[in-house]
Amino acid sequence: MFTAMVEYTFKPESLEEACKLWEEHVLELAKKQKGFIRLQFYTKPDGKALAMGTWERKEDAMAFMATGVFKDLLAKLMLQTAEPPKHQTWDLKYFAD
């Protein structure tokens, strides 16, 4: 499995609006993509948010990112963000349910 993370810093007063935009423009599209396993979105009251997407393979995650979904999202979120998002990728080492 492969996990990609994006850390967002939204203006606290815009957090709910930003979350709704993220849900509409990322979550719904991701669920339809090949290799999709799960997508999680965490928030803090100070405007910080962390999106974690897990895919079967790195290639599946990269194909999703290549759709331009984040470029489109950033254009819509310009008024809500306090700083540019930070992208990270991780390989899963251990997992337990």
C-alpha atoms as a PDB file:
ATOM      1  CA  MET A   1       0.000   0.000   0.000  1.00  0.00           C
ATOM      2  CA  PHE A   2       1.001   3.583  -0.608  1.00  0.00           C
ATOM      3  CA  THR A   3      -0.103   6.709   1.248  1.00  0.00           C
ATOM      4  CA  ALA A   4       0.031  10.286   0.036  1.00  0.00           C
ATOM      5  CA  MET A   5      -0.555  13.132   2.489  1.00  0.00           C
ATOM      6  CA  VAL A   6      -1.305  16.786   2.005  1.00  0.00           C
ATOM      7  CA  GLU A   7      -1.108  19.216   4.910  1.00  0.00           C
ATOM      8  CA  TYR A   8      -3.287  22.309   4.558  1.00  0.00           C
ATOM      9  CA  THR A   9      -3.323  25.535   6.543  1.00  0.00           C
ATOM     10  CA  PHE A  10      -6.663  27.243   6.130  1.00  0.00           C
ATOM     11  CA  LYS A  11      -7.774  30.506   7.635  1.00  0.00           C
ATOM     12  CA  PRO A  12      -9.678  29.391  10.762  1.00  0.00           C
ATOM     13  CA  GLU A  13     -12.776  31.356   9.773  1.00  0.00           C
ATOM     14  CA  SER A  14     -12.792  29.566   6.388  1.00  0.00           C
ATOM     15  CA  LEU A  15     -12.210  26.021   7.654  1.00  0.00           C
ATOM     16  CA  GLU A  16     -15.748  24.690   7.162  1.00  0.00           C
ATOM     17  CA  GLU A  17     -16.069  26.157   3.676  1.00  0.00           C
ATOM     18  CA  ALA A  18     -12.647  24.772   2.704  1.00  0.00           C
ATOM     19  CA  CYS A  19     -13.574  21.312   4.021  1.00  0.00           C
ATOM     20  CA  LYS A  20     -16.770  21.295   1.989  1.00  0.00           C
ATOM     21  CA  LEU A  21     -14.870  22.242  -1.177  1.00  0.00           C
ATOM     22  CA  TRP A  22     -12.317  19.502  -0.493  1.00  0.00           C
ATOM     23  CA  GLU A  23     -15.072  16.932   0.004  1.00  0.00           C
ATOM     24  CA  GLU A  24     -16.842  17.923  -3.215  1.00  0.00           C
ATOM     25  CA  HIS A  25     -13.754  18.162  -5.420  1.00  0.00           C
ATOM     26  CA  VAL A  26     -11.371  15.510  -4.074  1.00  0.00           C
ATOM     27  CA  LEU A  27     -13.217  12.859  -2.088  1.00  0.00           C
ATOM     28  CA  GLU A  28     -15.901  12.080  -4.643  1.00  0.00           C
ATOM     29  CA  LEU A  29     -13.390  11.854  -7.502  1.00  0.00           C
ATOM     30  CA  ALA A  30     -10.906   9.749  -5.517  1.00  0.00           C
ATOM     31  CA  LYS A  31     -13.498   7.094  -4.676  1.00  0.00           C
ATOM     32  CA  LYS A  32     -13.900   6.370  -8.405  1.00  0.00           C
ATOM     33  CA  GLN A  33     -10.177   5.934  -9.119  1.00  0.00           C
ATOM     34  CA  LYS A  34      -8.351   2.670  -9.745  1.00  0.00           C
ATOM     35  CA  GLY A  35      -6.478   1.400  -6.696  1.00  0.00           C
ATOM     36  CA  PHE A  36      -8.334   3.620  -4.222  1.00  0.00           C
ATOM     37  CA  ILE A  37      -8.446   2.156  -0.699  1.00  0.00           C
ATOM     38  CA  ARG A  38      -9.340   5.002   1.651  1.00  0.00           C
ATOM     39  CA  LEU A  39      -9.181   8.743   2.087  1.00  0.00           C
ATOM     40  CA  GLN A  40      -9.139  10.447   5.476  1.00  0.00           C
ATOM     41  CA  PHE A  41      -9.358  14.157   6.239  1.00  0.00           C
ATOM     42  CA  TYR A  42      -8.412  15.465   9.692  1.00  0.00           C
ATOM     43  CA  THR A  43      -8.918  19.031  10.931  1.00  0.00           C
ATOM     44  CA  LYS A  44      -7.995  21.216  13.900  1.00  0.00           C
ATOM     45  CA  PRO A  45      -9.867  24.344  15.056  1.00  0.00           C
ATOM     46  CA  ASP A  46      -6.816  26.490  14.215  1.00  0.00           C
ATOM     47  CA  GLY A  47      -7.325  25.812  10.481  1.00  0.00           C
ATOM     48  CA  LYS A  48      -4.814  22.985  10.052  1.00  0.00           C
ATOM     49  CA  ALA A  49      -5.975  19.980   8.032  1.00  0.00           C
ATOM     50  CA  LEU A  50      -4.356  16.734   6.947  1.00  0.00           C
ATOM     51  CA  ALA A  51      -5.576  14.639   4.018  1.00  0.00           C
ATOM     52  CA  MET A  52      -4.344  11.038   3.882  1.00  0.00           C
ATOM     53  CA  GLY A  53      -5.050   8.962   0.782  1.00  0.00           C
ATOM     54  CA  THR A  54      -4.200   5.262   0.692  1.00  0.00           C
ATOM     55  CA  TRP A  55      -3.857   3.437  -2.608  1.00  0.00           C
ATOM     56  CA  GLU A  56      -3.026  -0.109  -3.647  1.00  0.00           C
ATOM     57  CA  ARG A  57       0.089   1.069  -5.493  1.00  0.00           C
ATOM     58  CA  LYS A  58       2.153   4.222  -5.842  1.00  0.00           C
ATOM     59  CA  GLU A  59       1.250   4.315  -9.543  1.00  0.00           C
ATOM     60  CA  ASP A  60      -2.457   4.502  -8.649  1.00  0.00           C
ATOM     61  CA  ALA A  61      -1.868   7.490  -6.357  1.00  0.00           C
ATOM     62  CA  MET A  62       0.291   9.235  -8.943  1.00  0.00           C
ATOM     63  CA  ALA A  63      -2.351   8.669 -11.635  1.00  0.00           C
ATOM     64  CA  PHE A  64      -4.952  10.308  -9.382  1.00  0.00           C
ATOM     65  CA  MET A  65      -2.677  13.268  -8.701  1.00  0.00           C
ATOM     66  CA  ALA A  66      -2.055  13.601 -12.449  1.00  0.00           C
ATOM     67  CA  THR A  67      -5.785  14.209 -13.044  1.00  0.00           C
ATOM     68  CA  GLY A  68      -5.221  17.838 -12.043  1.00  0.00           C
ATOM     69  CA  VAL A  69      -7.622  17.557  -9.120  1.00  0.00           C
ATOM     70  CA  PHE A  70      -5.294  19.428  -6.751  1.00  0.00           C
ATOM     71  CA  LYS A  71      -4.559  22.223  -9.210  1.00  0.00           C
ATOM     72  CA  ASP A  72      -8.306  22.737  -9.636  1.00  0.00           C
ATOM     73  CA  LEU A  73      -8.869  22.532  -5.879  1.00  0.00           C
ATOM     74  CA  LEU A  74      -6.148  25.077  -5.112  1.00  0.00           C
ATOM     75  CA  ALA A  75      -7.725  27.532  -7.528  1.00  0.00           C
ATOM     76  CA  LYS A  76     -11.011  27.183  -5.624  1.00  0.00           C
ATOM     77  CA  LEU A  77      -9.327  27.363  -2.181  1.00  0.00           C
ATOM     78  CA  MET A  78      -7.154  30.441  -2.765  1.00  0.00           C
ATOM     79  CA  LEU A  79      -9.293  32.632  -0.501  1.00  0.00           C
ATOM     80  CA  GLN A  80      -9.418  30.034   2.291  1.00  0.00           C
ATOM     81  CA  THR A  81      -5.728  29.067   2.541  1.00  0.00           C
ATOM     82  CA  ALA A  82      -3.207  30.831   4.752  1.00  0.00           C
ATOM     83  CA  GLU A  83      -0.202  29.125   3.092  1.00  0.00           C
ATOM     84  CA  PRO A  84       0.458  26.654   0.249  1.00  0.00           C
ATOM     85  CA  PRO A  85      -0.306  22.960   0.919  1.00  0.00           C
ATOM     86  CA  LYS A  86       2.579  20.610   1.697  1.00  0.00           C
ATOM     87  CA  HIS A  87       2.661  17.224  -0.078  1.00  0.00           C
ATOM     88  CA  GLN A  88       4.298  14.082   1.339  1.00  0.00           C
ATOM     89  CA  THR A  89       4.333  10.439   0.276  1.00  0.00           C
ATOM     90  CA  TRP A  90       4.886   7.364   2.447  1.00  0.00           C
ATOM     91  CA  ASP A  91       5.252   3.616   1.939  1.00  0.00           C
ATOM     92  CA  LEU A  92       3.275   1.524   4.425  1.00  0.00           C
ATOM     93  CA  LYS A  93       5.541  -0.557   6.645  1.00  0.00           C
ATOM     94  CA  TYR A  94       3.095  -1.946   9.243  1.00  0.00           C
ATOM     95  CA  PHE A  95      -0.674  -1.957   9.611  1.00  0.00           C
ATOM     96  CA  ALA A  96      -3.046  -3.514  12.140  1.00  0.00           C
ATOM     97  CA  ASP A  97      -6.823  -3.510  12.512  1.00  0.00           C
END
